[in-house]
Amino acid sequence: MQTKALPGFREFYPADLALRTHIFRTWRTVAMRYGFEEYDGPPLEPLELYTAKSGDEIVGQLYNFTDKGGREVALRPEMTPTLARMVAARANGLKKPIRWFSIPQLFRYERQQRGRLREHFQLNCDLIGEPGPLGDAEIIALALDVVRAFGLGPSDVRVRLSDRRVLHALLLGAGVTEPQLPDAYEAVDKIERMERGALAQRLIAAGVSTEAAEGVFAVAALRGLAAVEAALAKVPGGPAAGASLRRVVDALAAMGLADFVEVDLTIVRGLAYYTGTVFELFDAGRTLRAICGGGRYDDLLEALGGVALPALGFGMGDVVLAELLRERGLVPADTSSIDVFLAAITEADLPHVLALAHELRDAGFRAEYALGAQAVGKQLKLADARNARFAVVIGPDDRARGEVVIKDLAGKGQAGVPRDRALERLSEMVRN
């Protein structure tokens, strides 16, 4: 009998689920603050939905099988194809721009490593029907405001920003030909993960001249908008190619987010469908995988759904984000604590405990009591184990006086309170 979870899959004990709930709640709060509406789709989709977008080679990364109806299906590895289909089905009736978000669980059969499992949850935010650079700035600002809502600042995270149009102009200006661009993009993308000599050999093997290969490395080394614009000024069509990037950077600065932004042309994004702005969020120390990645994909909805609409978006996974929150000490306090623990001194006091407990729960308190006869001391130990803020003790003498005893388990004080004012008094104490 299999006694462990499958490799790459997680079990969420209460403390783990509390962190996941905190992440989901924050994601939803910030996305809705930007006017985004939540949607969802089926976790099981036709296999061709993914092979049509990424080719048959993606099958090796999927959980796919033939179902009982003879259909080739797969657990969803991403949300964008589902989004494209849903938007295409109602494109004429949807108000543009469309602001949608989802929090799907995604599945990929791939090698596990730090920050990457075979399942994860992901915040997907997509802005559809807006072609201008303010849309790009809006989606990046949303991603940044999500991490800010967790308490992360510029010393914790950075958005590395690039633009495929800029990279296209600079690589052509460096002597790379159009057919050689995919190889040049790949070299720029891998410049931080592979030795330069090996990359140069790959470029030359692809037909790129030695001089043009040096130009590729020079483009990849550009940092900051000023350096990029200076390089663009020297190539045909360069200033026009960089106009959108300039507007995005200026808009983010106007929002007060400039300290988060680094213009970095090594951000290419591996998915071939990106057409303009691309970005990734990393921890400032670069010790983790990307927290978030996205960009503009103006041609994808037409390819997948048959509807020609400009679009951009991002995905932010929960695995790396949770690691970063733990590292920074930003995991919320133990939410397993309760507000009030009620203790009965004698068995005759139990009906009164049950009545008050139900009254407290109806008022929104998290309340608990012992489910079997126990000494008061043992009941109060259980209250401590539950991290209860207050204990209410009910005994024969208290009932004779028409009172209950409320104990402040943090301040260690206690007081007798009229039974009919117990709810009111506890409400006051919780507020204070």
Protein backbone atom coordinates (compact mmCIF):
# COMPACT_ATOMS: atom_id res chain seq x y z
CA MET A 1 0.00 0.00 0.00
CA GLN A 2 1.30 3.45 -0.94
CA THR A 3 1.66 5.42 2.29
CA LYS A 4 3.18 8.63 0.96
CA ALA A 5 1.95 11.34 -1.38
CA LEU A 6 3.10 10.97 -4.96
CA PRO A 7 6.44 12.66 -5.78
CA GLY A 8 5.98 16.35 -6.47
CA PHE A 9 2.55 16.55 -4.81
CA ARG A 10 1.86 18.25 -1.50
CA GLU A 11 -0.19 17.56 1.58
CA PHE A 12 -1.45 20.67 3.33
CA TYR A 13 -1.55 20.29 7.10
CA PRO A 14 -3.51 23.05 8.89
CA ALA A 15 -0.54 25.44 9.21
CA ASP A 16 0.38 24.88 5.54
CA LEU A 17 -3.19 25.39 4.44
CA ALA A 18 -3.38 28.57 6.52
CA LEU A 19 -0.45 29.98 4.52
CA ARG A 20 -2.06 28.90 1.24
CA THR A 21 -5.32 30.53 2.29
CA HIS A 22 -3.43 33.72 3.14
CA ILE A 23 -1.77 33.69 -0.30
CA PHE A 24 -5.07 33.08 -2.11
CA ARG A 25 -6.87 35.78 -0.10
CA THR A 26 -4.17 38.34 -0.87
CA TRP A 27 -4.13 37.42 -4.56
CA ARG A 28 -7.90 37.86 -4.80
CA THR A 29 -7.95 41.10 -2.83
CA VAL A 30 -5.34 42.85 -4.99
CA ALA A 31 -6.67 41.52 -8.31
CA MET A 32 -10.19 42.70 -7.49
CA ARG A 33 -8.77 46.06 -6.39
CA TYR A 34 -7.63 46.43 -10.01
CA GLY A 35 -11.09 45.61 -11.32
CA PHE A 36 -10.28 42.03 -12.31
CA GLU A 37 -13.02 39.39 -12.27
CA GLU A 38 -12.40 35.79 -11.28
CA TYR A 39 -13.06 32.90 -13.67
CA ASP A 40 -12.19 29.21 -13.76
CA GLY A 41 -12.18 26.31 -16.19
CA PRO A 42 -11.99 22.52 -16.18
CA PRO A 43 -8.85 20.87 -14.73
CA LEU A 44 -9.08 18.17 -17.44
CA GLU A 45 -8.85 19.30 -21.05
CA PRO A 46 -8.44 17.77 -24.53
CA LEU A 47 -4.77 17.03 -25.13
CA GLU A 48 -4.86 18.85 -28.47
CA LEU A 49 -5.55 22.12 -26.64
CA TYR A 50 -1.91 22.06 -25.51
CA THR A 51 -0.25 20.37 -28.48
CA ALA A 52 -1.84 22.95 -30.81
CA LYS A 53 -0.08 25.70 -28.86
CA SER A 54 3.23 24.11 -27.89
CA GLY A 55 3.70 21.16 -30.24
CA ASP A 56 3.76 17.42 -29.61
CA GLU A 57 6.96 17.72 -27.56
CA ILE A 58 4.96 19.10 -24.64
CA VAL A 59 3.28 15.69 -24.15
CA GLY A 60 6.34 14.46 -22.25
CA GLN A 61 5.69 17.15 -19.63
CA LEU A 62 1.99 16.40 -19.13
CA TYR A 63 -0.21 14.12 -17.11
CA ASN A 64 -2.14 12.74 -20.08
CA PHE A 65 -4.16 9.60 -20.76
CA THR A 66 -7.01 8.17 -22.81
CA ASP A 67 -10.29 8.46 -20.92
CA LYS A 68 -13.11 5.89 -20.91
CA GLY A 69 -14.71 7.63 -23.89
CA GLY A 70 -11.56 7.15 -25.96
CA ARG A 71 -10.62 10.85 -25.76
CA GLU A 72 -6.99 11.97 -25.43
CA VAL A 73 -6.99 14.26 -22.39
CA ALA A 74 -4.53 15.97 -20.02
CA LEU A 75 -4.56 17.64 -16.64
CA ARG A 76 -4.09 21.34 -17.37
CA PRO A 77 -0.44 22.47 -17.28
CA GLU A 78 -1.38 26.11 -17.84
CA MET A 79 -4.46 28.30 -18.06
CA THR A 80 -3.93 30.41 -21.18
CA PRO A 81 -5.41 27.94 -23.74
CA THR A 82 -8.55 27.58 -21.61
CA LEU A 83 -8.74 31.37 -21.31
CA ALA A 84 -8.42 31.77 -25.09
CA ARG A 85 -11.25 29.33 -25.71
CA MET A 86 -13.53 30.97 -23.14
CA VAL A 87 -12.89 34.49 -24.44
CA ALA A 88 -13.40 33.38 -28.05
CA ALA A 89 -16.76 31.83 -27.17
CA ARG A 90 -18.16 35.15 -25.94
CA ALA A 91 -15.81 37.71 -27.44
CA ASN A 92 -18.53 39.87 -28.99
CA GLY A 93 -20.46 40.21 -25.74
CA LEU A 94 -17.53 40.96 -23.42
CA LYS A 95 -16.73 44.56 -22.50
CA LYS A 96 -13.18 45.48 -23.51
CA PRO A 97 -10.67 45.52 -22.06
CA ILE A 98 -11.39 42.22 -20.36
CA ARG A 99 -9.82 41.96 -16.90
CA TRP A 100 -9.89 38.35 -15.72
CA PHE A 101 -7.98 36.40 -13.11
CA SER A 102 -7.98 32.81 -11.91
CA ILE A 103 -6.21 30.66 -9.32
CA PRO A 104 -5.98 27.24 -10.98
CA GLN A 105 -4.10 24.18 -9.79
CA LEU A 106 -1.72 23.20 -12.58
CA PHE A 107 0.06 19.91 -13.27
CA ARG A 108 3.32 19.15 -15.09
CA TYR A 109 5.20 15.88 -15.13
CA GLU A 110 8.73 17.23 -14.91
CA ARG A 111 11.85 16.94 -12.80
CA GLN A 112 11.38 18.28 -9.30
CA GLN A 113 13.73 20.94 -7.98
CA ARG A 114 13.66 23.75 -5.49
CA GLY A 115 10.68 25.96 -6.24
CA ARG A 116 9.22 23.56 -8.81
CA LEU A 117 6.88 20.68 -8.08
CA ARG A 118 4.60 18.58 -10.26
CA GLU A 119 1.57 20.53 -9.11
CA HIS A 120 1.15 24.07 -7.93
CA PHE A 121 -1.41 26.82 -7.67
CA GLN A 122 -0.95 29.95 -9.72
CA LEU A 123 -2.43 33.41 -9.90
CA ASN A 124 -3.16 34.16 -13.56
CA CYS A 125 -4.10 37.74 -14.45
CA ASP A 126 -4.84 38.65 -18.06
CA LEU A 127 -5.78 41.96 -19.66
CA ILE A 128 -7.39 41.40 -23.06
CA GLY A 129 -8.32 43.93 -25.72
CA GLU A 130 -5.84 46.69 -24.77
CA PRO A 131 -2.89 47.23 -27.15
CA GLY A 132 -1.23 50.23 -25.50
CA PRO A 133 1.77 50.43 -23.13
CA LEU A 134 -0.40 51.61 -20.23
CA GLY A 135 -1.91 48.14 -20.30
CA ASP A 136 1.58 46.68 -19.89
CA ALA A 137 2.29 49.03 -16.99
CA GLU A 138 -1.06 48.13 -15.43
CA ILE A 139 -0.38 44.39 -15.44
CA ILE A 140 3.16 44.85 -14.06
CA ALA A 141 1.86 47.20 -11.36
CA LEU A 142 -0.70 44.56 -10.39
CA ALA A 143 2.04 41.94 -10.00
CA LEU A 144 4.11 44.34 -7.91
CA ASP A 145 1.17 45.34 -5.75
CA VAL A 146 0.51 41.68 -5.04
CA VAL A 147 4.00 41.19 -3.58
CA ARG A 148 3.76 44.54 -1.79
CA ALA A 149 0.55 43.34 -0.15
CA PHE A 150 2.54 40.48 1.38
CA GLY A 151 4.93 43.01 2.94
CA LEU A 152 7.71 42.70 0.35
CA GLY A 153 9.53 45.84 -0.78
CA PRO A 154 12.26 46.83 -3.28
CA SER A 155 14.91 45.31 -1.02
CA ASP A 156 13.08 41.97 -1.31
CA VAL A 157 11.89 41.75 -4.93
CA ARG A 158 12.73 43.18 -8.34
CA VAL A 159 10.86 43.19 -11.64
CA ARG A 160 13.26 42.57 -14.51
CA LEU A 161 11.73 44.21 -17.56
CA SER A 162 12.41 43.83 -21.27
CA ASP A 163 10.63 44.08 -24.63
CA ARG A 164 10.84 41.60 -27.48
CA ARG A 165 10.56 44.45 -30.01
CA VAL A 166 13.62 46.11 -28.48
CA LEU A 167 15.58 42.87 -28.52
CA HIS A 168 14.52 42.23 -32.13
CA ALA A 169 15.80 45.64 -33.29
CA LEU A 170 19.09 45.41 -31.38
CA LEU A 171 19.90 41.87 -32.53
CA LEU A 172 19.24 42.75 -36.16
CA GLY A 173 21.41 45.82 -35.66
CA ALA A 174 24.16 43.56 -34.29
CA GLY A 175 24.22 41.57 -37.55
CA VAL A 176 21.92 38.67 -36.66
CA THR A 177 19.64 37.72 -39.57
CA GLU A 178 15.90 37.05 -39.22
CA PRO A 179 16.30 33.23 -39.56
CA GLN A 180 19.00 33.33 -36.85
CA LEU A 181 16.86 35.24 -34.34
CA PRO A 182 15.50 32.19 -32.48
CA ASP A 183 19.05 31.02 -31.76
CA ALA A 184 20.05 34.53 -30.69
CA TYR A 185 17.02 34.76 -28.37
CA GLU A 186 17.97 31.43 -26.83
CA ALA A 187 21.54 32.59 -26.25
CA VAL A 188 20.36 35.80 -24.55
CA ASP A 189 17.93 33.82 -22.43
CA LYS A 190 20.66 31.40 -21.27
CA ILE A 191 23.45 33.93 -20.82
CA GLU A 192 23.27 33.68 -17.01
CA ARG A 193 23.05 29.87 -16.93
CA MET A 194 25.62 28.79 -19.53
CA GLU A 195 29.29 29.46 -20.11
CA ARG A 196 29.82 32.17 -22.72
CA GLY A 197 32.15 30.07 -24.88
CA ALA A 198 29.58 27.30 -25.19
CA LEU A 199 26.91 29.80 -26.19
CA ALA A 200 29.24 31.35 -28.79
CA GLN A 201 29.83 27.90 -30.30
CA ARG A 202 26.07 27.32 -30.53
CA LEU A 203 25.57 30.65 -32.28
CA ILE A 204 28.35 30.03 -34.77
CA ALA A 205 27.00 26.52 -35.44
CA ALA A 206 23.67 28.18 -36.26
CA GLY A 207 25.39 30.36 -38.87
CA VAL A 208 25.83 33.50 -36.78
CA SER A 209 29.10 35.24 -37.60
CA THR A 210 31.74 35.70 -34.88
CA GLU A 211 31.21 39.46 -35.01
CA ALA A 212 27.43 39.12 -34.73
CA ALA A 213 27.82 36.65 -31.84
CA GLU A 214 29.85 39.29 -29.98
CA GLY A 215 27.04 41.71 -30.75
CA VAL A 216 24.53 39.32 -29.17
CA PHE A 217 26.55 39.28 -25.96
CA ALA A 218 26.84 43.07 -26.01
CA VAL A 219 23.06 43.38 -26.30
CA ALA A 220 22.56 40.94 -23.43
CA ALA A 221 24.90 43.00 -21.25
CA LEU A 222 22.80 46.17 -21.54
CA ARG A 223 21.29 47.27 -18.22
CA GLY A 224 19.02 50.20 -17.53
CA LEU A 225 16.76 52.19 -19.83
CA ALA A 226 19.38 54.84 -20.63
CA ALA A 227 21.87 52.26 -21.91
CA VAL A 228 19.19 50.48 -23.93
CA GLU A 229 17.95 53.72 -25.53
CA ALA A 230 21.53 54.73 -26.37
CA ALA A 231 22.01 51.42 -28.16
CA LEU A 232 18.65 51.73 -29.95
CA ALA A 233 19.63 55.15 -31.27
CA LYS A 234 22.39 53.47 -33.31
CA VAL A 235 20.25 50.87 -35.14
CA PRO A 236 17.56 51.21 -37.84
CA GLY A 237 14.10 51.58 -36.32
CA GLY A 238 15.57 51.51 -32.82
CA PRO A 239 13.89 54.58 -31.30
CA ALA A 240 10.45 53.42 -32.50
CA ALA A 241 11.07 49.92 -31.12
CA GLY A 242 11.91 51.39 -27.71
CA ALA A 243 9.00 53.82 -27.43
CA SER A 244 6.70 51.39 -25.66
CA LEU A 245 9.36 50.35 -23.14
CA ARG A 246 9.96 54.01 -22.28
CA ARG A 247 6.23 54.59 -21.67
CA VAL A 248 5.96 51.50 -19.47
CA VAL A 249 8.91 52.57 -17.33
CA ASP A 250 7.60 56.12 -17.04
CA ALA A 251 4.12 54.91 -16.06
CA LEU A 252 5.51 52.63 -13.34
CA ALA A 253 7.58 55.53 -12.03
CA ALA A 254 4.46 57.73 -11.93
CA MET A 255 2.81 55.04 -9.78
CA GLY A 256 5.71 55.17 -7.31
CA LEU A 257 7.06 51.76 -8.32
CA ALA A 258 10.34 52.81 -9.95
CA ASP A 259 12.47 51.32 -7.16
CA PHE A 260 11.25 47.85 -8.10
CA VAL A 261 12.09 48.09 -11.82
CA GLU A 262 15.25 46.98 -13.60
CA VAL A 263 15.46 47.07 -17.40
CA ASP A 264 17.24 43.82 -18.29
CA LEU A 265 17.28 42.46 -21.83
CA THR A 266 18.21 38.93 -20.72
CA ILE A 267 14.52 38.46 -19.86
CA VAL A 268 13.29 36.77 -23.02
CA ARG A 269 10.66 34.35 -21.66
CA GLY A 270 10.87 30.86 -23.05
CA LEU A 271 7.39 30.77 -24.58
CA ALA A 272 7.67 31.74 -28.22
CA TYR A 273 4.36 33.59 -28.36
CA TYR A 274 5.42 36.77 -26.54
CA THR A 275 5.32 39.76 -28.87
CA GLY A 276 6.23 42.84 -26.80
CA THR A 277 6.81 43.62 -23.14
CA VAL A 278 8.14 40.70 -21.09
CA PHE A 279 8.98 40.66 -17.39
CA GLU A 280 9.83 38.45 -14.43
CA LEU A 281 9.81 39.05 -10.69
CA PHE A 282 12.73 37.69 -8.68
CA ASP A 283 13.83 37.92 -5.08
CA ALA A 284 16.45 40.66 -4.80
CA GLY A 285 19.19 38.20 -3.88
CA ARG A 286 18.38 35.94 -6.85
CA THR A 287 18.52 32.82 -4.66
CA LEU A 288 15.13 31.51 -5.81
CA ARG A 289 13.43 30.80 -9.11
CA ALA A 290 11.25 33.51 -10.67
CA ILE A 291 8.29 34.42 -8.48
CA CYS A 292 6.26 35.59 -11.45
CA GLY A 293 6.57 35.94 -15.20
CA GLY A 294 4.53 37.31 -18.07
CA GLY A 295 4.23 39.74 -20.90
CA ARG A 296 2.33 40.70 -24.02
CA TYR A 297 1.07 37.98 -26.39
CA ASP A 298 -0.95 39.82 -29.02
CA ASP A 299 -1.21 36.96 -31.53
CA LEU A 300 -2.01 34.04 -29.24
CA LEU A 301 -5.76 34.42 -28.83
CA GLU A 302 -6.23 34.43 -32.58
CA ALA A 303 -4.05 31.32 -32.95
CA LEU A 304 -5.82 29.41 -30.19
CA GLY A 305 -9.35 30.81 -30.19
CA GLY A 306 -9.75 32.45 -33.59
CA VAL A 307 -10.34 35.92 -32.10
CA ALA A 308 -7.89 38.71 -32.95
CA LEU A 309 -7.49 40.55 -29.65
CA PRO A 310 -4.31 41.99 -28.13
CA ALA A 311 -3.56 40.51 -24.74
CA LEU A 312 -1.05 40.40 -21.93
CA GLY A 313 -0.83 38.73 -18.56
CA PHE A 314 1.26 36.97 -15.96
CA GLY A 315 1.38 33.87 -13.81
CA MET A 316 2.55 33.85 -10.18
CA GLY A 317 3.03 30.46 -8.54
CA ASP A 318 2.49 29.70 -4.88
CA VAL A 319 5.59 27.51 -4.35
CA VAL A 320 8.37 30.09 -4.76
CA LEU A 321 6.24 32.82 -3.21
CA ALA A 322 5.67 30.72 -0.09
CA GLU A 323 9.42 30.05 0.18
CA LEU A 324 10.16 33.76 -0.01
CA LEU A 325 7.52 34.64 2.60
CA ARG A 326 9.01 32.06 4.96
CA GLU A 327 12.52 33.41 4.38
CA ARG A 328 11.41 36.96 5.13
CA GLY A 329 9.39 35.99 8.21
CA LEU A 330 6.16 37.13 6.56
CA VAL A 331 4.12 34.01 7.19
CA PRO A 332 1.00 35.01 9.17
CA ALA A 333 0.75 34.13 12.83
CA ASP A 334 -0.70 30.75 13.74
CA THR A 335 -4.32 31.01 12.67
CA SER A 336 -5.23 27.78 14.44
CA SER A 337 -5.80 29.82 17.63
CA ILE A 338 -9.33 30.28 18.92
CA ASP A 339 -10.96 33.26 20.61
CA VAL A 340 -12.60 31.62 23.60
CA PHE A 341 -12.29 28.29 25.39
CA LEU A 342 -15.17 27.43 27.70
CA ALA A 343 -14.61 25.23 30.75
CA ALA A 344 -17.21 23.54 32.95
CA ILE A 345 -16.35 22.81 36.59
CA THR A 346 -19.01 20.13 37.05
CA GLU A 347 -21.14 18.03 34.75
CA ALA A 348 -24.15 20.12 35.73
CA ASP A 349 -22.41 23.17 34.27
CA LEU A 350 -22.08 21.58 30.81
CA PRO A 351 -25.49 22.69 29.43
CA HIS A 352 -24.60 26.28 30.34
CA VAL A 353 -21.24 25.93 28.57
CA LEU A 354 -22.99 24.57 25.47
CA ALA A 355 -25.51 27.43 25.47
CA LEU A 356 -22.86 30.14 25.78
CA ALA A 357 -20.58 28.45 23.24
CA HIS A 358 -23.37 28.44 20.67
CA GLU A 359 -24.20 32.06 21.43
CA LEU A 360 -20.56 33.03 20.92
CA ARG A 361 -20.31 31.10 17.66
CA ASP A 362 -23.47 32.76 16.35
CA ALA A 363 -21.76 36.10 17.07
CA GLY A 364 -18.71 35.09 15.04
CA PHE A 365 -16.36 33.98 17.80
CA ARG A 366 -14.13 30.93 17.38
CA ALA A 367 -15.13 28.95 20.45
CA GLU A 368 -14.27 25.50 21.76
CA TYR A 369 -14.84 23.37 24.86
CA ALA A 370 -13.82 19.93 26.10
CA LEU A 371 -15.94 17.16 24.60
CA GLY A 372 -15.62 14.92 27.64
CA ALA A 373 -15.54 15.29 31.42
CA GLN A 374 -12.16 16.70 32.49
CA ALA A 375 -10.68 18.51 35.47
CA VAL A 376 -10.65 22.28 35.06
CA GLY A 377 -6.85 22.34 35.04
CA LYS A 378 -6.75 19.90 32.12
CA GLN A 379 -9.36 21.93 30.25
CA LEU A 380 -7.28 25.09 30.67
CA LYS A 381 -4.20 23.25 29.39
CA LEU A 382 -6.21 22.42 26.28
CA ALA A 383 -7.09 26.12 26.02
CA ASP A 384 -3.37 26.95 26.04
CA ALA A 385 -2.70 24.28 23.40
CA ARG A 386 -5.35 25.90 21.21
CA ASN A 387 -3.75 29.34 21.71
CA ALA A 388 -7.05 30.64 23.07
CA ARG A 389 -7.11 34.34 23.90
CA PHE A 390 -9.72 33.98 26.64
CA ALA A 391 -11.22 31.27 28.79
CA VAL A 392 -14.70 31.32 30.26
CA VAL A 393 -15.15 29.17 33.37
CA ILE A 394 -18.65 28.23 34.52
CA GLY A 395 -19.19 26.56 37.88
CA PRO A 396 -22.03 26.10 40.42
CA ASP A 397 -21.03 29.12 42.51
CA ASP A 398 -20.74 31.32 39.42
CA ARG A 399 -24.16 30.23 38.21
CA ALA A 400 -25.67 30.91 41.63
CA ARG A 401 -24.44 34.50 41.34
CA GLY A 402 -25.65 34.74 37.71
CA GLU A 403 -22.04 35.13 36.52
CA VAL A 404 -19.29 33.52 34.49
CA VAL A 405 -15.55 33.98 35.03
CA ILE A 406 -13.61 35.40 32.07
CA LYS A 407 -9.86 34.77 32.11
CA ASP A 408 -7.47 36.77 29.93
CA LEU A 409 -4.98 34.04 29.08
CA ALA A 410 -2.42 36.53 27.79
CA GLY A 411 -2.69 39.11 30.56
CA LYS A 412 -3.40 36.46 33.20
CA GLY A 413 -6.17 38.54 34.79
CA GLN A 414 -9.71 37.35 35.44
CA ALA A 415 -13.06 38.80 36.47
CA GLY A 416 -16.59 37.71 37.18
CA VAL A 417 -19.06 39.02 34.58
CA PRO A 418 -22.88 38.81 34.61
CA ARG A 419 -23.93 35.93 32.37
CA ASP A 420 -26.20 38.15 30.28
CA ARG A 421 -23.24 40.50 29.58
CA ALA A 422 -20.67 37.81 28.74
CA LEU A 423 -20.99 38.25 24.99
CA GLU A 424 -20.82 42.04 25.24
CA ARG A 425 -17.78 41.92 27.52
CA LEU A 426 -15.90 39.43 25.36
CA SER A 427 -16.61 41.57 22.28
CA GLU A 428 -15.09 44.58 24.05
CA MET A 429 -12.03 42.56 25.12
CA VAL A 430 -11.43 41.22 21.60
CA ARG A 431 -11.60 44.74 20.14
CA ASN A 432 -9.08 46.00 22.66
